[in-house]
Amino acid sequence: MTSPVDAAQKRGDPAEETGKTGSLTDDLFAKFEARIRSGEWRAGSRLPSQKEIALSENVSRTVVREAVARLSAHGLTVSRQGAGVFVAETAEYRAFQITRDELHELSDVIKLLEMRLAVETEMAGLAAARRTTADIGAIREALEHMIAVGNDPMASAEADSAFHLAIARATQNEYYVRFVEFLGLRLVPSRTLYLGDKPEEVHQSYAAKVLAEHDAIVDAIVRMDSARAREAARQHMHESLTRHSTLSASLRMRGPLPAGRVSD
């Protein structure tokens, strides 16, 4: 006669079984996502039935059902009643992302700054060509706010983002605005990492240098001098790259940096 304990052992621990199912679902979802992203399963093509998948992948239909549901939640598939599940027509278009997990290393922050250099250089040129009087007011207001909060690294970084966002709006191109808004949310090292406990004079000198770089950009935009605006923006971003590259060299052997916010 089988005891209740023996029966329970035979059935297995429910929590353990749930964990196994979750792991199998994760694996199956990743496999299916890769097939869709690679084009092996083309847009508009019909997925095999849940029964066929369960047999071919040697998993339960519960695992298949959860994996397929996740594909739908990610916009990779669509269900058609009576016809089955199909790869979405838009599945190949993946939203651009830069996650916090990708910015653990300063080298990754430097890559992001390299991308910003290319984008913000042209952005400043377009802003100079297209800015309105209202845009100039917004850019100057953002710059004044940066000066006001200059002693607070985090508030200064927020104000820095707002400054570049004001320039993006002056391009009259909403895609620049959306891109800069996205970059403004990236959590990356704060300037305190390379200024650290240095004397207040060093912090003030740094703030003055960044302010001069920003002033040069604003002056060119006000004068509608696109060539000079591009050069000023390029110089500003190049200086930021140099600062972070120097920090990277000095901290190379000290491991990942804590998350913060990048400041120019």
C-alpha atoms as a PDB file:
ATOM      1  CA  MET A   1       0.000   0.000   0.000  1.00  0.00           C
ATOM      2  CA  THR A   2       1.353   3.419  -0.947  1.00  0.00           C
ATOM      3  CA  SER A   3       1.660   5.872   1.920  1.00  0.00           C
ATOM      4  CA  PRO A   4       0.631   9.542   1.576  1.00  0.00           C
ATOM      5  CA  VAL A   5       4.311  10.504   1.756  1.00  0.00           C
ATOM      6  CA  ASP A   6       5.260   8.056  -1.023  1.00  0.00           C
ATOM      7  CA  ALA A   7       2.387   9.350  -3.110  1.00  0.00           C
ATOM      8  CA  ALA A   8       3.504  12.941  -2.593  1.00  0.00           C
ATOM      9  CA  GLN A   9       7.067  12.080  -3.545  1.00  0.00           C
ATOM     10  CA  LYS A  10       5.832  10.340  -6.658  1.00  0.00           C
ATOM     11  CA  ARG A  11       3.768  13.364  -7.629  1.00  0.00           C
ATOM     12  CA  GLY A  12       6.682  15.703  -6.920  1.00  0.00           C
ATOM     13  CA  ASP A  13       6.891  19.033  -5.175  1.00  0.00           C
ATOM     14  CA  PRO A  14       4.326  21.471  -6.726  1.00  0.00           C
ATOM     15  CA  ALA A  15       6.709  24.433  -6.324  1.00  0.00           C
ATOM     16  CA  GLU A  16       9.478  22.497  -8.043  1.00  0.00           C
ATOM     17  CA  GLU A  17       7.174  21.485 -10.865  1.00  0.00           C
ATOM     18  CA  THR A  18       6.095  25.106 -11.310  1.00  0.00           C
ATOM     19  CA  GLY A  19       9.739  26.164 -11.486  1.00  0.00           C
ATOM     20  CA  LYS A  20      10.478  23.552 -14.128  1.00  0.00           C
ATOM     21  CA  THR A  21       7.485  24.668 -16.190  1.00  0.00           C
ATOM     22  CA  GLY A  22       8.619  28.293 -15.992  1.00  0.00           C
ATOM     23  CA  SER A  23      12.113  27.399 -17.106  1.00  0.00           C
ATOM     24  CA  LEU A  24      10.823  25.304 -20.012  1.00  0.00           C
ATOM     25  CA  THR A  25       8.513  28.148 -21.026  1.00  0.00           C
ATOM     26  CA  ASP A  26      11.416  30.620 -20.979  1.00  0.00           C
ATOM     27  CA  ASP A  27      13.525  28.301 -23.123  1.00  0.00           C
ATOM     28  CA  LEU A  28      10.739  27.661 -25.618  1.00  0.00           C
ATOM     29  CA  PHE A  29       9.870  31.354 -25.887  1.00  0.00           C
ATOM     30  CA  ALA A  30      13.527  32.231 -26.527  1.00  0.00           C
ATOM     31  CA  LYS A  31      13.764  29.561 -29.215  1.00  0.00           C
ATOM     32  CA  PHE A  32      10.611  30.747 -30.978  1.00  0.00           C
ATOM     33  CA  GLU A  33      11.604  34.407 -30.706  1.00  0.00           C
ATOM     34  CA  ALA A  34      14.960  33.596 -32.322  1.00  0.00           C
ATOM     35  CA  ARG A  35      13.199  31.821 -35.193  1.00  0.00           C
ATOM     36  CA  ILE A  36      10.995  34.841 -35.788  1.00  0.00           C
ATOM     37  CA  ARG A  37      13.799  37.412 -35.482  1.00  0.00           C
ATOM     38  CA  SER A  38      16.050  35.445 -37.833  1.00  0.00           C
ATOM     39  CA  GLY A  39      13.350  35.114 -40.461  1.00  0.00           C
ATOM     40  CA  GLU A  40      13.164  31.319 -40.178  1.00  0.00           C
ATOM     41  CA  TRP A  41       9.513  31.857 -39.317  1.00  0.00           C
ATOM     42  CA  ARG A  42       8.525  34.587 -41.757  1.00  0.00           C
ATOM     43  CA  ALA A  43       5.921  37.291 -41.202  1.00  0.00           C
ATOM     44  CA  GLY A  44       2.470  35.945 -42.008  1.00  0.00           C
ATOM     45  CA  SER A  45       3.484  32.295 -41.656  1.00  0.00           C
ATOM     46  CA  ARG A  46       1.416  29.961 -39.506  1.00  0.00           C
ATOM     47  CA  LEU A  47       2.935  28.426 -36.398  1.00  0.00           C
ATOM     48  CA  PRO A  48       2.608  24.670 -35.900  1.00  0.00           C
ATOM     49  CA  SER A  49      -0.307  23.618 -33.695  1.00  0.00           C
ATOM     50  CA  GLN A  50       0.233  23.375 -29.943  1.00  0.00           C
ATOM     51  CA  LYS A  51       0.008  19.595 -30.201  1.00  0.00           C
ATOM     52  CA  GLU A  52       2.675  19.497 -32.921  1.00  0.00           C
ATOM     53  CA  ILE A  53       4.966  21.773 -30.931  1.00  0.00           C
ATOM     54  CA  ALA A  54       4.501  19.755 -27.743  1.00  0.00           C
ATOM     55  CA  LEU A  55       5.515  16.585 -29.592  1.00  0.00           C
ATOM     56  CA  SER A  56       8.447  18.072 -31.491  1.00  0.00           C
ATOM     57  CA  GLU A  57       9.855  19.959 -28.468  1.00  0.00           C
ATOM     58  CA  ASN A  58       9.037  17.218 -25.956  1.00  0.00           C
ATOM     59  CA  VAL A  59       7.229  19.563 -23.571  1.00  0.00           C
ATOM     60  CA  SER A  60       3.715  19.751 -22.166  1.00  0.00           C
ATOM     61  CA  ARG A  61       0.958  21.664 -23.894  1.00  0.00           C
ATOM     62  CA  THR A  62       0.869  23.967 -20.853  1.00  0.00           C
ATOM     63  CA  VAL A  63       4.447  25.017 -21.599  1.00  0.00           C
ATOM     64  CA  VAL A  64       3.582  25.542 -25.266  1.00  0.00           C
ATOM     65  CA  ARG A  65       0.476  27.555 -24.430  1.00  0.00           C
ATOM     66  CA  GLU A  66       2.413  29.872 -22.081  1.00  0.00           C
ATOM     67  CA  ALA A  67       5.271  30.362 -24.554  1.00  0.00           C
ATOM     68  CA  VAL A  68       2.870  31.183 -27.396  1.00  0.00           C
ATOM     69  CA  ALA A  69       0.935  33.573 -25.147  1.00  0.00           C
ATOM     70  CA  ARG A  70       4.191  35.367 -24.394  1.00  0.00           C
ATOM     71  CA  LEU A  71       4.951  35.688 -28.109  1.00  0.00           C
ATOM     72  CA  SER A  72       1.586  37.388 -28.530  1.00  0.00           C
ATOM     73  CA  ALA A  73       2.214  39.692 -25.552  1.00  0.00           C
ATOM     74  CA  HIS A  74       5.474  40.797 -27.202  1.00  0.00           C
ATOM     75  CA  GLY A  75       3.658  41.569 -30.452  1.00  0.00           C
ATOM     76  CA  LEU A  76       5.404  38.755 -32.316  1.00  0.00           C
ATOM     77  CA  THR A  77       2.313  36.715 -33.185  1.00  0.00           C
ATOM     78  CA  VAL A  78      -1.397  37.200 -33.809  1.00  0.00           C
ATOM     79  CA  SER A  79      -4.230  34.711 -33.364  1.00  0.00           C
ATOM     80  CA  ARG A  80      -6.896  34.225 -36.017  1.00  0.00           C
ATOM     81  CA  GLN A  81      -9.973  32.428 -34.776  1.00  0.00           C
ATOM     82  CA  GLY A  82     -10.367  29.075 -36.450  1.00  0.00           C
ATOM     83  CA  ALA A  83      -7.115  29.479 -38.403  1.00  0.00           C
ATOM     84  CA  GLY A  84      -4.381  29.331 -35.788  1.00  0.00           C
ATOM     85  CA  VAL A  85      -1.465  31.518 -34.666  1.00  0.00           C
ATOM     86  CA  PHE A  86       0.563  33.495 -37.206  1.00  0.00           C
ATOM     87  CA  VAL A  87       3.787  35.494 -37.123  1.00  0.00           C
ATOM     88  CA  ALA A  88       2.857  39.191 -36.972  1.00  0.00           C
ATOM     89  CA  GLU A  89       3.611  41.293 -40.035  1.00  0.00           C
ATOM     90  CA  THR A  90       5.501  43.751 -37.830  1.00  0.00           C
ATOM     91  CA  ALA A  91       7.482  41.098 -35.927  1.00  0.00           C
ATOM     92  CA  GLU A  92      10.755  41.952 -37.675  1.00  0.00           C
ATOM     93  CA  TYR A  93      10.602  45.554 -36.451  1.00  0.00           C
ATOM     94  CA  ARG A  94      12.139  45.633 -33.004  1.00  0.00           C
ATOM     95  CA  ALA A  95      12.110  48.749 -30.851  1.00  0.00           C
ATOM     96  CA  PHE A  96      15.526  50.304 -30.261  1.00  0.00           C
ATOM     97  CA  GLN A  97      16.616  49.834 -26.674  1.00  0.00           C
ATOM     98  CA  ILE A  98      19.509  50.628 -24.394  1.00  0.00           C
ATOM     99  CA  THR A  99      18.814  49.041 -21.042  1.00  0.00           C
ATOM    100  CA  ARG A 100      20.357  49.713 -17.643  1.00  0.00           C
ATOM    101  CA  ASP A 101      21.902  46.240 -17.747  1.00  0.00           C
ATOM    102  CA  GLU A 102      23.868  47.240 -20.850  1.00  0.00           C
ATOM    103  CA  LEU A 103      25.454  50.213 -19.094  1.00  0.00           C
ATOM    104  CA  HIS A 104      27.247  48.492 -16.225  1.00  0.00           C
ATOM    105  CA  GLU A 105      30.669  49.169 -17.738  1.00  0.00           C
ATOM    106  CA  LEU A 106      32.100  52.602 -18.435  1.00  0.00           C
ATOM    107  CA  SER A 107      33.171  51.339 -21.872  1.00  0.00           C
ATOM    108  CA  ASP A 108      29.467  50.987 -22.730  1.00  0.00           C
ATOM    109  CA  VAL A 109      28.805  54.544 -21.567  1.00  0.00           C
ATOM    110  CA  ILE A 110      31.585  55.705 -23.897  1.00  0.00           C
ATOM    111  CA  LYS A 111      29.904  53.901 -26.806  1.00  0.00           C
ATOM    112  CA  LEU A 112      26.690  55.741 -26.003  1.00  0.00           C
ATOM    113  CA  LEU A 113      28.547  59.062 -25.939  1.00  0.00           C
ATOM    114  CA  GLU A 114      30.058  58.255 -29.348  1.00  0.00           C
ATOM    115  CA  MET A 115      26.538  57.828 -30.704  1.00  0.00           C
ATOM    116  CA  ARG A 116      25.411  61.052 -29.052  1.00  0.00           C
ATOM    117  CA  LEU A 117      28.327  62.888 -30.662  1.00  0.00           C
ATOM    118  CA  ALA A 118      27.047  62.005 -34.131  1.00  0.00           C
ATOM    119  CA  VAL A 119      23.396  62.759 -33.333  1.00  0.00           C
ATOM    120  CA  GLU A 120      23.804  65.944 -31.314  1.00  0.00           C
ATOM    121  CA  THR A 121      26.268  67.511 -33.734  1.00  0.00           C
ATOM    122  CA  GLU A 122      23.713  67.508 -36.554  1.00  0.00           C
ATOM    123  CA  MET A 123      20.909  68.299 -34.123  1.00  0.00           C
ATOM    124  CA  ALA A 124      22.608  71.561 -33.132  1.00  0.00           C
ATOM    125  CA  GLY A 125      23.067  72.492 -36.787  1.00  0.00           C
ATOM    126  CA  LEU A 126      19.390  71.956 -37.551  1.00  0.00           C
ATOM    127  CA  ALA A 127      18.378  73.838 -34.402  1.00  0.00           C
ATOM    128  CA  ALA A 128      20.428  76.827 -35.554  1.00  0.00           C
ATOM    129  CA  ALA A 129      18.729  76.776 -38.950  1.00  0.00           C
ATOM    130  CA  ARG A 130      15.164  76.322 -37.697  1.00  0.00           C
ATOM    131  CA  ARG A 131      14.945  77.770 -34.176  1.00  0.00           C
ATOM    132  CA  THR A 132      12.204  80.211 -33.249  1.00  0.00           C
ATOM    133  CA  THR A 133      12.277  83.023 -30.717  1.00  0.00           C
ATOM    134  CA  ALA A 134      10.378  80.764 -28.319  1.00  0.00           C
ATOM    135  CA  ASP A 135      13.007  78.054 -28.786  1.00  0.00           C
ATOM    136  CA  ILE A 136      15.785  80.467 -27.867  1.00  0.00           C
ATOM    137  CA  GLY A 137      13.901  81.387 -24.702  1.00  0.00           C
ATOM    138  CA  ALA A 138      13.510  77.723 -23.735  1.00  0.00           C
ATOM    139  CA  ILE A 139      17.184  76.919 -24.405  1.00  0.00           C
ATOM    140  CA  ARG A 140      18.375  79.898 -22.368  1.00  0.00           C
ATOM    141  CA  GLU A 141      16.006  79.034 -19.529  1.00  0.00           C
ATOM    142  CA  ALA A 142      17.370  75.474 -19.447  1.00  0.00           C
ATOM    143  CA  LEU A 143      20.925  76.817 -19.366  1.00  0.00           C
ATOM    144  CA  GLU A 144      20.099  79.203 -16.514  1.00  0.00           C
ATOM    145  CA  HIS A 145      18.595  76.325 -14.558  1.00  0.00           C
ATOM    146  CA  MET A 146      21.803  74.342 -15.047  1.00  0.00           C
ATOM    147  CA  ILE A 147      23.742  77.212 -13.504  1.00  0.00           C
ATOM    148  CA  ALA A 148      21.308  77.460 -10.588  1.00  0.00           C
ATOM    149  CA  VAL A 149      21.664  73.772  -9.649  1.00  0.00           C
ATOM    150  CA  GLY A 150      25.330  73.452 -10.533  1.00  0.00           C
ATOM    151  CA  ASN A 151      26.338  72.376  -7.019  1.00  0.00           C
ATOM    152  CA  ASP A 152      24.029  69.336  -7.103  1.00  0.00           C
ATOM    153  CA  PRO A 153      25.406  66.631  -9.465  1.00  0.00           C
ATOM    154  CA  MET A 154      22.097  64.797  -9.911  1.00  0.00           C
ATOM    155  CA  ALA A 155      20.019  67.948 -10.380  1.00  0.00           C
ATOM    156  CA  SER A 156      22.692  69.262 -12.733  1.00  0.00           C
ATOM    157  CA  ALA A 157      22.458  66.083 -14.823  1.00  0.00           C
ATOM    158  CA  GLU A 158      18.673  66.471 -15.015  1.00  0.00           C
ATOM    159  CA  ALA A 159      19.098  70.093 -16.103  1.00  0.00           C
ATOM    160  CA  ASP A 160      21.722  69.027 -18.651  1.00  0.00           C
ATOM    161  CA  SER A 161      19.214  66.620 -20.207  1.00  0.00           C
ATOM    162  CA  ALA A 162      16.601  69.381 -20.309  1.00  0.00           C
ATOM    163  CA  PHE A 163      19.092  71.663 -22.087  1.00  0.00           C
ATOM    164  CA  HIS A 164      19.738  69.148 -24.859  1.00  0.00           C
ATOM    165  CA  LEU A 165      16.016  68.433 -25.081  1.00  0.00           C
ATOM    166  CA  ALA A 166      15.326  72.129 -25.653  1.00  0.00           C
ATOM    167  CA  ILE A 167      17.826  72.069 -28.530  1.00  0.00           C
ATOM    168  CA  ALA A 168      16.133  68.955 -29.926  1.00  0.00           C
ATOM    169  CA  ARG A 169      12.780  70.771 -29.925  1.00  0.00           C
ATOM    170  CA  ALA A 170      14.366  73.669 -31.805  1.00  0.00           C
ATOM    171  CA  THR A 171      15.060  71.329 -34.756  1.00  0.00           C
ATOM    172  CA  GLN A 172      11.272  71.143 -35.324  1.00  0.00           C
ATOM    173  CA  ASN A 173      11.838  67.406 -35.831  1.00  0.00           C
ATOM    174  CA  GLU A 174       9.896  65.286 -33.329  1.00  0.00           C
ATOM    175  CA  TYR A 175      12.195  62.295 -33.840  1.00  0.00           C
ATOM    176  CA  TYR A 176      15.136  64.195 -32.383  1.00  0.00           C
ATOM    177  CA  VAL A 177      12.922  65.076 -29.426  1.00  0.00           C
ATOM    178  CA  ARG A 178      11.882  61.463 -28.866  1.00  0.00           C
ATOM    179  CA  PHE A 179      15.461  60.217 -29.203  1.00  0.00           C
ATOM    180  CA  VAL A 180      16.864  62.748 -26.729  1.00  0.00           C
ATOM    181  CA  GLU A 181      14.001  62.030 -24.307  1.00  0.00           C
ATOM    182  CA  PHE A 182      14.980  58.360 -24.492  1.00  0.00           C
ATOM    183  CA  LEU A 183      18.663  59.066 -23.858  1.00  0.00           C
ATOM    184  CA  GLY A 184      17.770  61.313 -20.948  1.00  0.00           C
ATOM    185  CA  LEU A 185      16.443  58.312 -19.044  1.00  0.00           C
ATOM    186  CA  ARG A 186      19.617  56.240 -19.278  1.00  0.00           C
ATOM    187  CA  LEU A 187      21.157  55.683 -15.845  1.00  0.00           C
ATOM    188  CA  VAL A 188      24.925  56.007 -16.234  1.00  0.00           C
ATOM    189  CA  PRO A 189      27.837  57.279 -14.126  1.00  0.00           C
ATOM    190  CA  SER A 190      27.512  60.669 -12.493  1.00  0.00           C
ATOM    191  CA  ARG A 191      30.302  63.213 -12.758  1.00  0.00           C
ATOM    192  CA  THR A 192      31.024  62.655  -9.047  1.00  0.00           C
ATOM    193  CA  LEU A 193      32.774  59.445 -10.065  1.00  0.00           C
ATOM    194  CA  TYR A 194      35.622  61.327 -11.703  1.00  0.00           C
ATOM    195  CA  LEU A 195      35.571  64.421  -9.534  1.00  0.00           C
ATOM    196  CA  GLY A 196      35.061  62.433  -6.330  1.00  0.00           C
ATOM    197  CA  ASP A 197      36.275  64.187  -3.195  1.00  0.00           C
ATOM    198  CA  LYS A 198      38.342  66.760  -5.021  1.00  0.00           C
ATOM    199  CA  PRO A 199      38.303  70.332  -3.667  1.00  0.00           C
ATOM    200  CA  GLU A 200      35.352  72.588  -4.337  1.00  0.00           C
ATOM    201  CA  GLU A 201      37.525  74.679  -6.677  1.00  0.00           C
ATOM    202  CA  VAL A 202      37.893  71.652  -8.967  1.00  0.00           C
ATOM    203  CA  HIS A 203      34.123  71.170  -9.071  1.00  0.00           C
ATOM    204  CA  GLN A 204      33.614  74.850  -9.851  1.00  0.00           C
ATOM    205  CA  SER A 205      36.265  74.770 -12.558  1.00  0.00           C
ATOM    206  CA  TYR A 206      34.564  71.757 -14.129  1.00  0.00           C
ATOM    207  CA  ALA A 207      31.146  73.460 -14.043  1.00  0.00           C
ATOM    208  CA  ALA A 208      32.596  76.592 -15.635  1.00  0.00           C
ATOM    209  CA  LYS A 209      34.165  74.559 -18.440  1.00  0.00           C
ATOM    210  CA  VAL A 210      30.913  72.766 -19.248  1.00  0.00           C
ATOM    211  CA  LEU A 211      29.023  76.068 -19.083  1.00  0.00           C
ATOM    212  CA  ALA A 212      31.439  77.615 -21.595  1.00  0.00           C
ATOM    213  CA  GLU A 213      30.854  74.666 -23.952  1.00  0.00           C
ATOM    214  CA  HIS A 214      27.091  75.092 -23.650  1.00  0.00           C
ATOM    215  CA  ASP A 215      27.359  78.856 -24.102  1.00  0.00           C
ATOM    216  CA  ALA A 216      29.175  78.335 -27.400  1.00  0.00           C
ATOM    217  CA  ILE A 217      26.373  76.101 -28.671  1.00  0.00           C
ATOM    218  CA  VAL A 218      23.676  78.557 -27.613  1.00  0.00           C
ATOM    219  CA  ASP A 219      25.445  81.539 -29.160  1.00  0.00           C
ATOM    220  CA  ALA A 220      25.726  79.758 -32.515  1.00  0.00           C
ATOM    221  CA  ILE A 221      22.060  78.712 -32.423  1.00  0.00           C
ATOM    222  CA  VAL A 222      20.963  82.267 -31.566  1.00  0.00           C
ATOM    223  CA  ARG A 223      22.990  83.613 -34.500  1.00  0.00           C
ATOM    224  CA  MET A 224      21.530  80.874 -36.770  1.00  0.00           C
ATOM    225  CA  ASP A 225      25.070  79.818 -37.644  1.00  0.00           C
ATOM    226  CA  SER A 226      24.609  76.117 -38.399  1.00  0.00           C
ATOM    227  CA  ALA A 227      28.259  75.371 -39.151  1.00  0.00           C
ATOM    228  CA  ARG A 228      29.447  76.923 -35.889  1.00  0.00           C
ATOM    229  CA  ALA A 229      26.637  75.229 -33.942  1.00  0.00           C
ATOM    230  CA  ARG A 230      27.728  71.834 -35.284  1.00  0.00           C
ATOM    231  CA  GLU A 231      31.338  72.522 -34.394  1.00  0.00           C
ATOM    232  CA  ALA A 232      30.455  73.725 -30.892  1.00  0.00           C
ATOM    233  CA  ALA A 233      28.294  70.648 -30.266  1.00  0.00           C
ATOM    234  CA  ARG A 234      30.985  68.350 -31.630  1.00  0.00           C
ATOM    235  CA  GLN A 235      33.587  69.962 -29.363  1.00  0.00           C
ATOM    236  CA  HIS A 236      31.276  69.673 -26.367  1.00  0.00           C
ATOM    237  CA  MET A 237      30.597  65.960 -26.922  1.00  0.00           C
ATOM    238  CA  HIS A 238      34.252  65.295 -27.725  1.00  0.00           C
ATOM    239  CA  GLU A 239      35.234  66.838 -24.398  1.00  0.00           C
ATOM    240  CA  SER A 240      32.706  64.603 -22.628  1.00  0.00           C
ATOM    241  CA  LEU A 241      34.126  61.574 -24.417  1.00  0.00           C
ATOM    242  CA  THR A 242      37.640  62.551 -23.370  1.00  0.00           C
ATOM    243  CA  ARG A 243      36.602  62.946 -19.733  1.00  0.00           C
ATOM    244  CA  HIS A 244      34.933  59.545 -19.611  1.00  0.00           C
ATOM    245  CA  SER A 245      37.760  57.857 -21.522  1.00  0.00           C
ATOM    246  CA  THR A 246      40.248  59.223 -18.996  1.00  0.00           C
ATOM    247  CA  LEU A 247      38.060  57.909 -16.173  1.00  0.00           C
ATOM    248  CA  SER A 248      37.848  54.524 -17.885  1.00  0.00           C
ATOM    249  CA  ALA A 249      41.626  54.260 -18.058  1.00  0.00           C
ATOM    250  CA  SER A 250      42.042  55.144 -14.385  1.00  0.00           C
ATOM    251  CA  LEU A 251      39.342  52.718 -13.183  1.00  0.00           C
ATOM    252  CA  ARG A 252      40.004  49.863 -15.603  1.00  0.00           C
ATOM    253  CA  MET A 253      41.047  47.493 -12.843  1.00  0.00           C
ATOM    254  CA  ARG A 254      38.340  48.455 -10.346  1.00  0.00           C
ATOM    255  CA  GLY A 255      35.357  46.561 -11.809  1.00  0.00           C
ATOM    256  CA  PRO A 256      31.835  47.701 -12.825  1.00  0.00           C
ATOM    257  CA  LEU A 257      30.697  51.178 -11.888  1.00  0.00           C
ATOM    258  CA  PRO A 258      27.563  51.866  -9.877  1.00  0.00           C
ATOM    259  CA  ALA A 259      24.629  53.226 -11.848  1.00  0.00           C
ATOM    260  CA  GLY A 260      24.120  56.964 -11.968  1.00  0.00           C
ATOM    261  CA  ARG A 261      23.382  59.547 -14.571  1.00  0.00           C
ATOM    262  CA  VAL A 262      25.792  60.823 -17.215  1.00  0.00           C
ATOM    263  CA  SER A 263      26.609  64.498 -17.154  1.00  0.00           C
ATOM    264  CA  ASP A 264      28.471  66.301 -19.857  1.00  0.00           C
END
